[in-house]
Full PDB file with SEQRES, HELIX, SHEET, SSBOND, CRYST1, ORIGX, SCALE, CONECT and MASTER records, all heavy atoms in Angstrom:
SEQRES   1 A   37  VAL TRP ASP LEU GLY LEU ALA GLN MET GLN ILE GLY SER          
SEQRES   2 A   37  LEU PRO ALA SER PHE PHE PRO GLU ARG ILE ARG ARG LEU          
SEQRES   3 A   37  ASN LEU SER ARG ASN ASN ILE THR ARG ILE LEU                  
SHEET    1 AA1 2 ASP A   3  GLY A   5  0                                        
SHEET    2 AA1 2 ARG A  25  ASN A  27  1                                        
CRYST1    1.000    1.000    1.000  90.00  90.00  90.00 P 1           1          
ORIGX1      1.000000  0.000000  0.000000        0.00000                         
ORIGX2      0.000000  1.000000  0.000000        0.00000                         
ORIGX3      0.000000  0.000000  1.000000        0.00000                         
SCALE1      1.000000  0.000000  0.000000        0.00000                         
SCALE2      0.000000  1.000000  0.000000        0.00000                         
SCALE3      0.000000  0.000000  1.000000        0.00000                         
ATOM      1  N   VAL A   1      98.010  31.758  25.206  1.00  0.00           N  
ATOM      2  CA  VAL A   1      97.569  31.181  26.469  1.00  0.00           C  
ATOM      3  C   VAL A   1      97.862  29.679  26.484  1.00  0.00           C  
ATOM      4  O   VAL A   1      97.451  28.923  25.595  1.00  0.00           O  
ATOM      5  CB  VAL A   1      96.053  31.415  26.668  1.00  0.00           C  
ATOM      6  CG1 VAL A   1      95.539  30.571  27.818  1.00  0.00           C  
ATOM      7  CG2 VAL A   1      95.799  32.915  26.937  1.00  0.00           C  
ATOM      8  N   TRP A   2      98.573  29.231  27.527  1.00  0.00           N  
ATOM      9  CA  TRP A   2      98.863  27.824  27.697  1.00  0.00           C  
ATOM     10  C   TRP A   2      98.358  27.283  29.048  1.00  0.00           C  
ATOM     11  O   TRP A   2      98.415  26.083  29.295  1.00  0.00           O  
ATOM     12  CB  TRP A   2     100.369  27.556  27.614  1.00  0.00           C  
ATOM     13  CG  TRP A   2     101.235  28.391  28.507  1.00  0.00           C  
ATOM     14  CD1 TRP A   2     101.788  29.588  28.232  1.00  0.00           C  
ATOM     15  CD2 TRP A   2     101.592  28.084  29.859  1.00  0.00           C  
ATOM     16  NE1 TRP A   2     102.501  30.063  29.326  1.00  0.00           N  
ATOM     17  CE2 TRP A   2     102.385  29.155  30.333  1.00  0.00           C  
ATOM     18  CE3 TRP A   2     101.345  27.033  30.720  1.00  0.00           C  
ATOM     19  CZ2 TRP A   2     102.918  29.182  31.625  1.00  0.00           C  
ATOM     20  CZ3 TRP A   2     101.884  27.029  31.991  1.00  0.00           C  
ATOM     21  CH2 TRP A   2     102.670  28.103  32.423  1.00  0.00           C  
ATOM     22  N   ASP A   3      97.859  28.164  29.911  1.00  0.00           N  
ATOM     23  CA  ASP A   3      97.308  27.795  31.182  1.00  0.00           C  
ATOM     24  C   ASP A   3      95.861  28.270  31.228  1.00  0.00           C  
ATOM     25  O   ASP A   3      95.613  29.492  31.226  1.00  0.00           O  
ATOM     26  CB  ASP A   3      98.105  28.420  32.330  1.00  0.00           C  
ATOM     27  CG  ASP A   3      97.744  27.851  33.705  1.00  0.00           C  
ATOM     28  OD1 ASP A   3      96.574  27.479  33.879  1.00  0.00           O  
ATOM     29  OD2 ASP A   3      98.622  27.818  34.583  1.00  0.00           O  
ATOM     30  N   LEU A   4      94.874  27.321  31.244  1.00  0.00           N  
ATOM     31  CA  LEU A   4      93.476  27.689  31.063  1.00  0.00           C  
ATOM     32  C   LEU A   4      92.632  27.125  32.187  1.00  0.00           C  
ATOM     33  O   LEU A   4      92.727  25.950  32.531  1.00  0.00           O  
ATOM     34  CB  LEU A   4      92.976  27.138  29.726  1.00  0.00           C  
ATOM     35  CG  LEU A   4      91.530  27.441  29.331  1.00  0.00           C  
ATOM     36  CD1 LEU A   4      91.293  28.942  29.212  1.00  0.00           C  
ATOM     37  CD2 LEU A   4      91.177  26.726  28.005  1.00  0.00           C  
ATOM     38  N   GLY A   5      91.773  27.987  32.775  1.00  0.00           N  
ATOM     39  CA  GLY A   5      90.854  27.568  33.826  1.00  0.00           C  
ATOM     40  C   GLY A   5      89.398  27.598  33.361  1.00  0.00           C  
ATOM     41  O   GLY A   5      88.887  28.658  32.991  1.00  0.00           O  
ATOM     42  N   LEU A   6      88.760  26.417  33.356  1.00  0.00           N  
ATOM     43  CA  LEU A   6      87.347  26.306  32.964  1.00  0.00           C  
ATOM     44  C   LEU A   6      86.586  25.482  34.011  1.00  0.00           C  
ATOM     45  O   LEU A   6      85.761  24.651  33.690  1.00  0.00           O  
ATOM     46  CB  LEU A   6      87.227  25.621  31.599  1.00  0.00           C  
ATOM     47  CG  LEU A   6      87.871  26.322  30.401  1.00  0.00           C  
ATOM     48  CD1 LEU A   6      87.725  25.452  29.151  1.00  0.00           C  
ATOM     49  CD2 LEU A   6      87.239  27.686  30.151  1.00  0.00           C  
ATOM     50  N   ALA A   7      86.844  25.735  35.279  1.00  0.00           N  
ATOM     51  CA  ALA A   7      86.188  24.994  36.338  1.00  0.00           C  
ATOM     52  C   ALA A   7      84.764  25.465  36.562  1.00  0.00           C  
ATOM     53  O   ALA A   7      84.435  26.635  36.316  1.00  0.00           O  
ATOM     54  CB  ALA A   7      86.984  25.112  37.640  1.00  0.00           C  
ATOM     55  N   GLN A   8      83.920  24.578  37.026  1.00  0.00           N  
ATOM     56  CA  GLN A   8      82.544  24.876  37.465  1.00  0.00           C  
ATOM     57  C   GLN A   8      81.790  25.691  36.410  1.00  0.00           C  
ATOM     58  O   GLN A   8      81.259  26.761  36.690  1.00  0.00           O  
ATOM     59  CB  GLN A   8      82.560  25.616  38.805  1.00  0.00           C  
ATOM     60  CG  GLN A   8      81.246  25.500  39.558  1.00  0.00           C  
ATOM     61  CD  GLN A   8      81.367  25.957  40.994  1.00  0.00           C  
ATOM     62  OE1 GLN A   8      82.444  26.007  41.570  1.00  0.00           O  
ATOM     63  NE2 GLN A   8      80.246  26.269  41.616  1.00  0.00           N  
ATOM     64  N   MET A   9      81.697  25.162  35.207  1.00  0.00           N  
ATOM     65  CA  MET A   9      81.005  25.838  34.111  1.00  0.00           C  
ATOM     66  C   MET A   9      79.922  24.930  33.516  1.00  0.00           C  
ATOM     67  O   MET A   9      79.472  25.188  32.397  1.00  0.00           O  
ATOM     68  CB  MET A   9      81.985  26.278  33.059  1.00  0.00           C  
ATOM     69  CG  MET A   9      83.012  27.294  33.577  1.00  0.00           C  
ATOM     70  SD  MET A   9      84.095  27.936  32.267  1.00  0.00           S  
ATOM     71  CE  MET A   9      82.945  28.865  31.286  1.00  0.00           C  
ATOM     72  N   GLN A  10      79.528  23.878  34.235  1.00  0.00           N  
ATOM     73  CA  GLN A  10      78.467  22.980  33.800  1.00  0.00           C  
ATOM     74  C   GLN A  10      78.812  22.310  32.450  1.00  0.00           C  
ATOM     75  O   GLN A  10      77.910  21.966  31.674  1.00  0.00           O  
ATOM     76  CB  GLN A  10      77.133  23.721  33.690  1.00  0.00           C  
ATOM     77  CG  GLN A  10      76.679  24.318  35.004  1.00  0.00           C  
ATOM     78  CD  GLN A  10      75.334  25.050  34.907  1.00  0.00           C  
ATOM     79  OE1 GLN A  10      74.728  25.126  33.849  1.00  0.00           O  
ATOM     80  NE2 GLN A  10      74.885  25.589  36.022  1.00  0.00           N  
ATOM     81  N   ILE A  11      80.063  22.104  32.189  1.00  0.00           N  
ATOM     82  CA  ILE A  11      80.487  21.417  30.974  1.00  0.00           C  
ATOM     83  C   ILE A  11      80.205  19.924  31.124  1.00  0.00           C  
ATOM     84  O   ILE A  11      80.678  19.287  32.079  1.00  0.00           O  
ATOM     85  CB  ILE A  11      81.994  21.641  30.706  1.00  0.00           C  
ATOM     86  CG1 ILE A  11      82.244  23.149  30.457  1.00  0.00           C  
ATOM     87  CG2 ILE A  11      82.470  20.826  29.509  1.00  0.00           C  
ATOM     88  CD1 ILE A  11      83.724  23.505  30.344  1.00  0.00           C  
ATOM     89  N   GLY A  12      79.437  19.357  30.200  1.00  0.00           N  
ATOM     90  CA  GLY A  12      79.098  17.944  30.266  1.00  0.00           C  
ATOM     91  C   GLY A  12      79.911  17.084  29.356  1.00  0.00           C  
ATOM     92  O   GLY A  12      80.225  15.948  29.676  1.00  0.00           O  
ATOM     93  N   SER A  13      80.258  17.590  28.204  1.00  0.00           N  
ATOM     94  CA  SER A  13      81.053  16.844  27.229  1.00  0.00           C  
ATOM     95  C   SER A  13      81.922  17.786  26.462  1.00  0.00           C  
ATOM     96  O   SER A  13      81.650  18.980  26.360  1.00  0.00           O  
ATOM     97  CB  SER A  13      80.153  16.040  26.286  1.00  0.00           C  
ATOM     98  OG  SER A  13      79.331  16.917  25.550  1.00  0.00           O  
ATOM     99  N   LEU A  14      83.004  17.244  25.916  1.00  0.00           N  
ATOM    100  CA  LEU A  14      83.949  18.034  25.163  1.00  0.00           C  
ATOM    101  C   LEU A  14      84.121  17.446  23.779  1.00  0.00           C  
ATOM    102  O   LEU A  14      84.388  16.232  23.630  1.00  0.00           O  
ATOM    103  CB  LEU A  14      85.322  18.068  25.866  1.00  0.00           C  
ATOM    104  CG  LEU A  14      85.373  18.768  27.218  1.00  0.00           C  
ATOM    105  CD1 LEU A  14      86.654  18.421  27.938  1.00  0.00           C  
ATOM    106  CD2 LEU A  14      85.255  20.282  27.038  1.00  0.00           C  
ATOM    107  N   PRO A  15      83.997  18.249  22.752  1.00  0.00           N  
ATOM    108  CA  PRO A  15      84.249  17.747  21.394  1.00  0.00           C  
ATOM    109  C   PRO A  15      85.728  17.511  21.172  1.00  0.00           C  
ATOM    110  O   PRO A  15      86.591  18.116  21.819  1.00  0.00           O  
ATOM    111  CB  PRO A  15      83.707  18.869  20.487  1.00  0.00           C  
ATOM    112  CG  PRO A  15      83.785  20.122  21.338  1.00  0.00           C  
ATOM    113  CD  PRO A  15      83.564  19.690  22.742  1.00  0.00           C  
ATOM    114  N   ALA A  16      86.033  16.630  20.258  1.00  0.00           N  
ATOM    115  CA  ALA A  16      87.437  16.351  19.919  1.00  0.00           C  
ATOM    116  C   ALA A  16      88.100  17.609  19.349  1.00  0.00           C  
ATOM    117  O   ALA A  16      87.460  18.400  18.644  1.00  0.00           O  
ATOM    118  CB  ALA A  16      87.510  15.198  18.919  1.00  0.00           C  
ATOM    119  N   SER A  17      89.362  17.801  19.732  1.00  0.00           N  
ATOM    120  CA  SER A  17      90.181  18.908  19.196  1.00  0.00           C  
ATOM    121  C   SER A  17      89.603  20.278  19.535  1.00  0.00           C  
ATOM    122  O   SER A  17      89.827  21.239  18.812  1.00  0.00           O  
ATOM    123  CB  SER A  17      90.340  18.782  17.675  1.00  0.00           C  
ATOM    124  OG  SER A  17      90.869  17.532  17.336  1.00  0.00           O  
ATOM    125  N   PHE A  18      88.892  20.381  20.644  1.00  0.00           N  
ATOM    126  CA  PHE A  18      88.340  21.670  21.051  1.00  0.00           C  
ATOM    127  C   PHE A  18      89.441  22.612  21.544  1.00  0.00           C  
ATOM    128  O   PHE A  18      89.439  23.801  21.250  1.00  0.00           O  
ATOM    129  CB  PHE A  18      87.290  21.488  22.159  1.00  0.00           C  
ATOM    130  CG  PHE A  18      86.743  22.776  22.687  1.00  0.00           C  
ATOM    131  CD1 PHE A  18      85.762  23.483  22.007  1.00  0.00           C  
ATOM    132  CD2 PHE A  18      87.203  23.316  23.893  1.00  0.00           C  
ATOM    133  CE1 PHE A  18      85.255  24.660  22.486  1.00  0.00           C  
ATOM    134  CE2 PHE A  18      86.703  24.505  24.384  1.00  0.00           C  
ATOM    135  CZ  PHE A  18      85.725  25.193  23.665  1.00  0.00           C  
ATOM    136  N   PHE A  19      90.414  22.087  22.267  1.00  0.00           N  
ATOM    137  CA  PHE A  19      91.451  22.905  22.859  1.00  0.00           C  
ATOM    138  C   PHE A  19      92.642  23.039  21.892  1.00  0.00           C  
ATOM    139  O   PHE A  19      93.042  22.052  21.278  1.00  0.00           O  
ATOM    140  CB  PHE A  19      91.952  22.318  24.178  1.00  0.00           C  
ATOM    141  CG  PHE A  19      90.880  22.228  25.215  1.00  0.00           C  
ATOM    142  CD1 PHE A  19      90.337  21.015  25.551  1.00  0.00           C  
ATOM    143  CD2 PHE A  19      90.440  23.370  25.860  1.00  0.00           C  
ATOM    144  CE1 PHE A  19      89.330  20.923  26.534  1.00  0.00           C  
ATOM    145  CE2 PHE A  19      89.460  23.297  26.848  1.00  0.00           C  
ATOM    146  CZ  PHE A  19      88.898  22.082  27.156  1.00  0.00           C  
ATOM    147  N   PRO A  20      93.225  24.227  21.796  1.00  0.00           N  
ATOM    148  CA  PRO A  20      94.430  24.410  20.968  1.00  0.00           C  
ATOM    149  C   PRO A  20      95.561  23.529  21.489  1.00  0.00           C  
ATOM    150  O   PRO A  20      95.665  23.256  22.686  1.00  0.00           O  
ATOM    151  CB  PRO A  20      94.741  25.901  21.123  1.00  0.00           C  
ATOM    152  CG  PRO A  20      93.488  26.538  21.582  1.00  0.00           C  
ATOM    153  CD  PRO A  20      92.770  25.506  22.402  1.00  0.00           C  
ATOM    154  N   GLU A  21      96.437  23.124  20.627  1.00  0.00           N  
ATOM    155  CA  GLU A  21      97.533  22.239  20.976  1.00  0.00           C  
ATOM    156  C   GLU A  21      98.512  22.890  21.949  1.00  0.00           C  
ATOM    157  O   GLU A  21      99.261  22.176  22.605  1.00  0.00           O  
ATOM    158  CB  GLU A  21      98.258  21.768  19.704  1.00  0.00           C  
ATOM    159  CG  GLU A  21      97.491  20.760  18.895  1.00  0.00           C  
ATOM    160  CD  GLU A  21      97.250  19.477  19.663  1.00  0.00           C  
ATOM    161  OE1 GLU A  21      98.118  19.082  20.467  1.00  0.00           O  
ATOM    162  OE2 GLU A  21      96.174  18.863  19.496  1.00  0.00           O  
ATOM    163  N   ARG A  22      98.514  24.187  22.053  1.00  0.00           N  
ATOM    164  CA  ARG A  22      99.483  24.870  22.934  1.00  0.00           C  
ATOM    165  C   ARG A  22      99.144  24.744  24.402  1.00  0.00           C  
ATOM    166  O   ARG A  22      99.987  24.993  25.281  1.00  0.00           O  
ATOM    167  CB  ARG A  22      99.565  26.350  22.579  1.00  0.00           C  
ATOM    168  CG  ARG A  22      98.251  27.070  22.846  1.00  0.00           C  
ATOM    169  CD  ARG A  22      98.314  28.558  22.543  1.00  0.00           C  
ATOM    170  NE  ARG A  22      97.070  29.233  22.817  1.00  0.00           N  
ATOM    171  CZ  ARG A  22      96.035  29.337  21.967  1.00  0.00           C  
ATOM    172  NH1 ARG A  22      96.160  28.799  20.765  1.00  0.00           N  
ATOM    173  NH2 ARG A  22      94.939  29.961  22.324  1.00  0.00           N  
ATOM    174  N   ILE A  23      97.917  24.330  24.765  1.00  0.00           N  
ATOM    175  CA  ILE A  23      97.477  24.256  26.145  1.00  0.00           C  
ATOM    176  C   ILE A  23      98.262  23.183  26.883  1.00  0.00           C  
ATOM    177  O   ILE A  23      98.284  22.039  26.465  1.00  0.00           O  
ATOM    178  CB  ILE A  23      95.963  23.968  26.242  1.00  0.00           C  
ATOM    179  CG1 ILE A  23      95.149  25.077  25.557  1.00  0.00           C  
ATOM    180  CG2 ILE A  23      95.526  23.853  27.732  1.00  0.00           C  
ATOM    181  CD1 ILE A  23      95.276  26.428  26.202  1.00  0.00           C  
ATOM    182  N   ARG A  24      98.909  23.570  28.000  1.00  0.00           N  
ATOM    183  CA  ARG A  24      99.681  22.621  28.803  1.00  0.00           C  
ATOM    184  C   ARG A  24      99.104  22.389  30.182  1.00  0.00           C  
ATOM    185  O   ARG A  24      99.385  21.392  30.817  1.00  0.00           O  
ATOM    186  CB  ARG A  24     101.138  23.116  28.899  1.00  0.00           C  
ATOM    187  CG  ARG A  24     101.855  23.280  27.581  1.00  0.00           C  
ATOM    188  CD  ARG A  24     103.356  23.226  27.736  1.00  0.00           C  
ATOM    189  NE  ARG A  24     103.877  24.282  28.587  1.00  0.00           N  
ATOM    190  CZ  ARG A  24     104.193  25.504  28.172  1.00  0.00           C  
ATOM    191  NH1 ARG A  24     104.039  25.819  26.894  1.00  0.00           N  
ATOM    192  NH2 ARG A  24     104.665  26.412  28.999  1.00  0.00           N  
ATOM    193  N   ARG A  25      98.339  23.347  30.694  1.00  0.00           N  
ATOM    194  CA  ARG A  25      97.718  23.218  31.995  1.00  0.00           C  
ATOM    195  C   ARG A  25      96.220  23.529  31.853  1.00  0.00           C  
ATOM    196  O   ARG A  25      95.864  24.580  31.336  1.00  0.00           O  
ATOM    197  CB  ARG A  25      98.337  24.191  33.022  1.00  0.00           C  
ATOM    198  CG  ARG A  25      99.841  23.935  33.243  1.00  0.00           C  
ATOM    199  CD  ARG A  25     100.469  25.056  34.057  1.00  0.00           C  
ATOM    200  NE  ARG A  25      99.963  25.078  35.417  1.00  0.00           N  
ATOM    201  CZ  ARG A  25     100.502  24.433  36.447  1.00  0.00           C  
ATOM    202  NH1 ARG A  25     101.611  23.693  36.239  1.00  0.00           N  
ATOM    203  NH2 ARG A  25      99.972  24.482  37.656  1.00  0.00           N  
ATOM    204  N   LEU A  26      95.380  22.611  32.327  1.00  0.00           N  
ATOM    205  CA  LEU A  26      93.939  22.722  32.078  1.00  0.00           C  
ATOM    206  C   LEU A  26      93.158  22.342  33.340  1.00  0.00           C  
ATOM    207  O   LEU A  26      93.327  21.245  33.878  1.00  0.00           O  
ATOM    208  CB  LEU A  26      93.524  21.821  30.913  1.00  0.00           C  
ATOM    209  CG  LEU A  26      92.057  21.820  30.488  1.00  0.00           C  
ATOM    210  CD1 LEU A  26      91.636  23.225  30.072  1.00  0.00           C  
ATOM    211  CD2 LEU A  26      91.858  20.829  29.336  1.00  0.00           C  
ATOM    212  N   ASN A  27      92.334  23.243  33.809  1.00  0.00           N  
ATOM    213  CA  ASN A  27      91.499  23.009  34.983  1.00  0.00           C  
ATOM    214  C   ASN A  27      90.049  22.819  34.542  1.00  0.00           C  
ATOM    215  O   ASN A  27      89.387  23.798  34.115  1.00  0.00           O  
ATOM    216  CB  ASN A  27      91.636  24.172  35.965  1.00  0.00           C  
ATOM    217  CG  ASN A  27      90.825  23.938  37.244  1.00  0.00           C  
ATOM    218  OD1 ASN A  27      90.194  22.910  37.427  1.00  0.00           O  
ATOM    219  ND2 ASN A  27      90.874  24.900  38.167  1.00  0.00           N  
ATOM    220  N   LEU A  28      89.549  21.618  34.664  1.00  0.00           N  
ATOM    221  CA  LEU A  28      88.152  21.315  34.321  1.00  0.00           C  
ATOM    222  C   LEU A  28      87.405  20.773  35.560  1.00  0.00           C  
ATOM    223  O   LEU A  28      86.414  20.052  35.417  1.00  0.00           O  
ATOM    224  CB  LEU A  28      88.095  20.283  33.197  1.00  0.00           C  
ATOM    225  CG  LEU A  28      88.530  20.752  31.822  1.00  0.00           C  
ATOM    226  CD1 LEU A  28      88.693  19.578  30.862  1.00  0.00           C  
ATOM    227  CD2 LEU A  28      87.558  21.761  31.240  1.00  0.00           C  
ATOM    228  N   SER A  29      87.832  21.121  36.724  1.00  0.00           N  
ATOM    229  CA  SER A  29      87.222  20.611  37.948  1.00  0.00           C  
ATOM    230  C   SER A  29      85.825  21.147  38.142  1.00  0.00           C  
ATOM    231  O   SER A  29      85.438  22.177  37.588  1.00  0.00           O  
ATOM    232  CB  SER A  29      88.098  20.976  39.153  1.00  0.00           C  
ATOM    233  OG  SER A  29      88.161  22.376  39.314  1.00  0.00           O  
ATOM    234  N   ARG A  30      85.017  20.404  38.936  1.00  0.00           N  
ATOM    235  CA  ARG A  30      83.667  20.803  39.335  1.00  0.00           C  
ATOM    236  C   ARG A  30      82.763  21.053  38.124  1.00  0.00           C  
ATOM    237  O   ARG A  30      81.959  21.984  38.119  1.00  0.00           O  
ATOM    238  CB  ARG A  30      83.701  22.025  40.276  1.00  0.00           C  
ATOM    239  CG  ARG A  30      84.474  21.764  41.539  1.00  0.00           C  
ATOM    240  CD  ARG A  30      84.362  22.903  42.515  1.00  0.00           C  
ATOM    241  NE  ARG A  30      84.897  24.154  41.978  1.00  0.00           N  
ATOM    242  CZ  ARG A  30      86.173  24.451  41.908  1.00  0.00           C  
ATOM    243  NH1 ARG A  30      87.083  23.599  42.334  1.00  0.00           N  
ATOM    244  NH2 ARG A  30      86.579  25.630  41.439  1.00  0.00           N  
ATOM    245  N   ASN A  31      82.876  20.218  37.115  1.00  0.00           N  
ATOM    246  CA  ASN A  31      81.977  20.263  35.969  1.00  0.00           C  
ATOM    247  C   ASN A  31      81.116  19.000  35.988  1.00  0.00           C  
ATOM    248  O   ASN A  31      81.010  18.327  37.015  1.00  0.00           O  
ATOM    249  CB  ASN A  31      82.780  20.376  34.668  1.00  0.00           C  
ATOM    250  CG  ASN A  31      83.158  21.818  34.373  1.00  0.00           C  
ATOM    251  OD1 ASN A  31      82.325  22.658  34.119  1.00  0.00           O  
ATOM    252  ND2 ASN A  31      84.466  22.123  34.429  1.00  0.00           N  
ATOM    253  N   ASN A  32      80.472  18.671  34.848  1.00  0.00           N  
ATOM    254  CA  ASN A  32      79.571  17.521  34.779  1.00  0.00           C  
ATOM    255  C   ASN A  32      80.094  16.478  33.786  1.00  0.00           C  
ATOM    256  O   ASN A  32      79.307  15.760  33.163  1.00  0.00           O  
ATOM    257  CB  ASN A  32      78.161  17.966  34.356  1.00  0.00           C  
ATOM    258  CG  ASN A  32      77.561  18.941  35.339  1.00  0.00           C  
ATOM    259  OD1 ASN A  32      77.779  18.829  36.544  1.00  0.00           O  
ATOM    260  ND2 ASN A  32      76.805  19.919  34.847  1.00  0.00           N  
ATOM    261  N   ILE A  33      81.401  16.382  33.634  1.00  0.00           N  
ATOM    262  CA  ILE A  33      82.010  15.490  32.669  1.00  0.00           C  
ATOM    263  C   ILE A  33      81.839  14.030  33.120  1.00  0.00           C  
ATOM    264  O   ILE A  33      82.194  13.691  34.246  1.00  0.00           O  
ATOM    265  CB  ILE A  33      83.478  15.822  32.454  1.00  0.00           C  
ATOM    266  CG1 ILE A  33      83.596  17.257  31.902  1.00  0.00           C  
ATOM    267  CG2 ILE A  33      84.151  14.848  31.525  1.00  0.00           C  
ATOM    268  CD1 ILE A  33      85.022  17.781  31.865  1.00  0.00           C  
ATOM    269  N   THR A  34      81.265  13.193  32.242  1.00  0.00           N  
ATOM    270  CA  THR A  34      81.036  11.791  32.558  1.00  0.00           C  
ATOM    271  C   THR A  34      81.972  10.846  31.820  1.00  0.00           C  
ATOM    272  O   THR A  34      82.047   9.689  32.185  1.00  0.00           O  
ATOM    273  CB  THR A  34      79.579  11.411  32.244  1.00  0.00           C  
ATOM    274  OG1 THR A  34      79.355  11.632  30.847  1.00  0.00           O  
ATOM    275  CG2 THR A  34      78.602  12.235  33.052  1.00  0.00           C  
ATOM    276  N   ARG A  35      82.629  11.349  30.799  1.00  0.00           N  
ATOM    277  CA  ARG A  35      83.442  10.461  29.957  1.00  0.00           C  
ATOM    278  C   ARG A  35      84.591  11.259  29.356  1.00  0.00           C  
ATOM    279  O   ARG A  35      84.430  12.407  28.947  1.00  0.00           O  
ATOM    280  CB  ARG A  35      82.552   9.911  28.853  1.00  0.00           C  
ATOM    281  CG  ARG A  35      83.221   8.992  27.831  1.00  0.00           C  
ATOM    282  CD  ARG A  35      82.113   8.357  26.996  1.00  0.00           C  
ATOM    283  NE  ARG A  35      82.649   7.648  25.866  1.00  0.00           N  
ATOM    284  CZ  ARG A  35      82.726   8.150  24.632  1.00  0.00           C  
ATOM    285  NH1 ARG A  35      82.336   9.399  24.401  1.00  0.00           N  
ATOM    286  NH2 ARG A  35      83.216   7.420  23.628  1.00  0.00           N  
ATOM    287  N   ILE A  36      85.775  10.663  29.312  1.00  0.00           N  
ATOM    288  CA  ILE A  36      86.905  11.333  28.676  1.00  0.00           C  
ATOM    289  C   ILE A  36      87.563  10.386  27.684  1.00  0.00           C  
ATOM    290  O   ILE A  36      87.601   9.163  27.863  1.00  0.00           O  
ATOM    291  CB  ILE A  36      87.945  11.800  29.711  1.00  0.00           C  
ATOM    292  CG1 ILE A  36      88.552  10.647  30.477  1.00  0.00           C  
ATOM    293  CG2 ILE A  36      87.351  12.809  30.654  1.00  0.00           C  
ATOM    294  CD1 ILE A  36      89.751  11.035  31.321  1.00  0.00           C  
ATOM    295  N   LEU A  37      88.050  10.991  26.616  1.00  0.00           N  
ATOM    296  CA  LEU A  37      88.791  10.287  25.580  1.00  0.00           C  
ATOM    297  C   LEU A  37      90.073  11.064  25.292  1.00  0.00           C  
ATOM    298  O   LEU A  37      90.071  12.309  25.392  1.00  0.00           O  
ATOM    299  CB  LEU A  37      87.943  10.148  24.317  1.00  0.00           C  
ATOM    300  CG  LEU A  37      86.670   9.303  24.427  1.00  0.00           C  
ATOM    301  CD1 LEU A  37      85.859   9.405  23.156  1.00  0.00           C  
ATOM    302  CD2 LEU A  37      87.040   7.838  24.710  1.00  0.00           C  
TER     303      LEU A  37                                                      
MASTER        0    0    0    0    2    0    0    6  302    1    0    3          
END                                                                             
């Protein structure tokens, strides 16, 4: 899987290296993310 949809899942924060390196398209819309690194 290289195209992943995780929209509107109440995600507030993401740990480092959570996603596999193969992911090229990522939908994180409509979540609760306040900070990105």
